[in-house]
Protein backbone atom coordinates (compact mmCIF):
# COMPACT_ATOMS: atom_id res chain seq x y z
CA MET A 1 -40.55 75.25 1.26
CA SER A 2 -43.36 72.88 0.29
CA ASN A 3 -44.00 69.61 2.08
CA LYS A 4 -43.20 67.69 -1.12
CA THR A 5 -39.76 69.29 -1.17
CA LYS A 6 -39.26 68.51 2.51
CA ILE A 7 -40.27 64.88 1.94
CA PHE A 8 -37.84 64.67 -0.99
CA ILE A 9 -34.99 66.06 1.13
CA VAL A 10 -35.73 63.76 4.08
CA ASN A 11 -36.09 60.69 1.84
CA THR A 12 -32.89 61.52 -0.05
CA PHE A 13 -31.04 61.82 3.25
CA HIS A 14 -32.72 58.61 4.44
CA VAL A 15 -31.63 56.69 1.33
CA THR A 16 -28.10 58.11 1.61
CA ILE A 17 -27.77 56.91 5.19
CA TYR A 18 -29.19 53.53 4.22
CA VAL A 19 -26.66 53.12 1.39
CA VAL A 20 -23.77 54.14 3.68
CA MET A 21 -24.90 51.58 6.28
CA VAL A 22 -25.16 48.81 3.68
CA LEU A 23 -21.71 49.67 2.32
CA SER A 24 -20.40 49.66 5.89
CA ILE A 25 -21.70 46.14 6.41
CA PHE A 26 -20.00 44.97 3.23
CA TYR A 27 -16.80 46.72 4.31
CA ILE A 28 -16.85 44.79 7.58
CA ILE A 29 -17.09 41.56 5.62
CA TYR A 30 -14.20 42.69 3.39
CA ALA A 31 -12.14 43.72 6.43
CA ALA A 32 -12.69 40.33 8.03
CA ILE A 33 -11.69 38.47 4.87
CA ALA A 34 -8.64 40.67 4.21
CA LYS A 35 -7.78 41.19 7.87
CA ALA A 36 -7.89 44.93 7.24
CA PHE A 37 -8.13 46.12 10.84
CA GLY A 38 -7.20 49.74 10.18
CA PRO A 39 -8.70 53.18 10.61
CA ILE A 40 -11.32 52.73 7.89
CA LEU A 41 -12.75 49.80 9.81
CA LEU A 42 -12.86 51.94 12.95
CA VAL A 43 -14.83 54.64 11.09
CA THR A 44 -17.15 52.01 9.63
CA LEU A 45 -17.82 50.43 13.01
CA SER A 46 -18.36 53.86 14.56
CA LEU A 47 -20.97 54.73 11.93
CA LEU A 48 -22.79 51.47 12.55
CA VAL A 49 -22.71 51.92 16.34
CA LEU A 50 -24.12 55.43 15.90
CA GLU A 51 -26.86 54.13 13.59
CA VAL A 52 -27.82 51.36 16.01
CA ALA A 53 -27.82 53.82 18.94
CA VAL A 54 -30.13 56.22 17.07
CA PHE A 55 -32.39 53.37 16.04
CA VAL A 56 -32.61 51.87 19.55
CA GLY A 57 -32.96 55.32 21.11
CA SER A 58 -35.91 56.00 18.82
CA GLY A 59 -37.83 52.95 19.93
CA MET A 60 -36.57 50.65 17.16
CA ARG A 61 -37.95 53.01 14.52
CA CYS A 62 -35.94 55.33 12.32
CA PRO A 63 -36.62 58.96 13.28
CA LEU A 64 -36.44 59.95 9.61
CA THR A 65 -39.49 57.79 8.91
CA ASP A 66 -41.47 59.81 11.46
CA LEU A 67 -40.14 63.08 10.08
CA SER A 68 -41.10 62.12 6.54
CA GLN A 69 -44.59 61.14 7.70
CA ARG A 70 -44.93 64.42 9.56
CA TYR A 71 -44.48 66.21 6.23
CA GLY A 72 -47.18 64.07 4.64
CA SER A 73 -45.34 61.08 3.26
CA GLU A 74 -47.63 58.07 2.96
CA ASN A 75 -45.26 55.54 4.54
CA GLY A 76 -42.09 57.47 5.34
CA TYR A 77 -39.59 54.69 4.80
CA ALA A 78 -36.54 55.22 2.63
CA PHE A 79 -37.56 53.36 -0.51
CA GLU A 80 -41.32 53.92 -0.40
CA ARG A 81 -41.43 54.83 -4.09
CA TYR A 82 -39.61 51.70 -5.16
CA LEU A 83 -40.40 48.92 -2.68
CA SER A 84 -43.46 47.76 -0.78
CA LYS A 85 -43.50 47.89 3.02
CA ARG A 86 -43.17 44.11 3.08
CA ALA A 87 -40.09 44.23 0.84
CA VAL A 88 -38.51 46.98 2.96
CA ASP A 89 -39.06 44.90 6.12
CA ARG A 90 -37.44 41.87 4.49
CA VAL A 91 -34.47 43.89 3.25
CA PHE A 92 -34.05 45.41 6.71
CA ASN A 93 -34.14 41.97 8.34
CA PHE A 94 -31.65 40.63 5.79
CA PHE A 95 -29.13 43.39 6.47
CA ARG A 96 -29.61 43.17 10.23
CA THR A 97 -28.80 39.45 10.06
CA LEU A 98 -25.89 40.10 7.69
CA LEU A 99 -24.50 42.71 10.11
CA ILE A 100 -24.61 40.26 13.02
CA ILE A 101 -22.88 37.58 10.95
CA ALA A 102 -20.30 40.10 9.69
CA ILE A 103 -19.46 41.23 13.23
CA ILE A 104 -19.10 37.65 14.43
CA PHE A 105 -16.87 36.88 11.43
CA LEU A 106 -14.80 40.04 12.04
CA VAL A 107 -14.28 39.25 15.73
CA GLY A 108 -13.40 35.67 14.86
CA ARG A 109 -10.83 36.77 12.28
CA TYR A 110 -9.38 39.37 14.66
CA PHE A 111 -8.82 36.81 17.40
CA GLY A 112 -7.72 34.12 14.94
CA TRP A 113 -10.67 31.81 15.55
CA PHE A 114 -11.39 31.54 11.80
């Protein structure tokens, strides 16, 4: 298998995980608004905890970025063909902040504070 194919596979997987994480954040917001504290929320929170654990365990760097770079990718981040490094950093910071706000909102709705 060529390195270009490996990069494509890694980046496709990387983008898929990214999309699932973004959808999970939006689901948390929905769950807080609708007070939908069911099994789907548990799965969503579990996925996000797993993602954060992998990220923290990898030194605050996605291991798929390193894998993609190992195969010869220029930057290795998920949307390198579509967004600049600066844009990716801003999007990442936006969703990190949104996740923190969503969790606070969810906890507040669960305990009836909001």
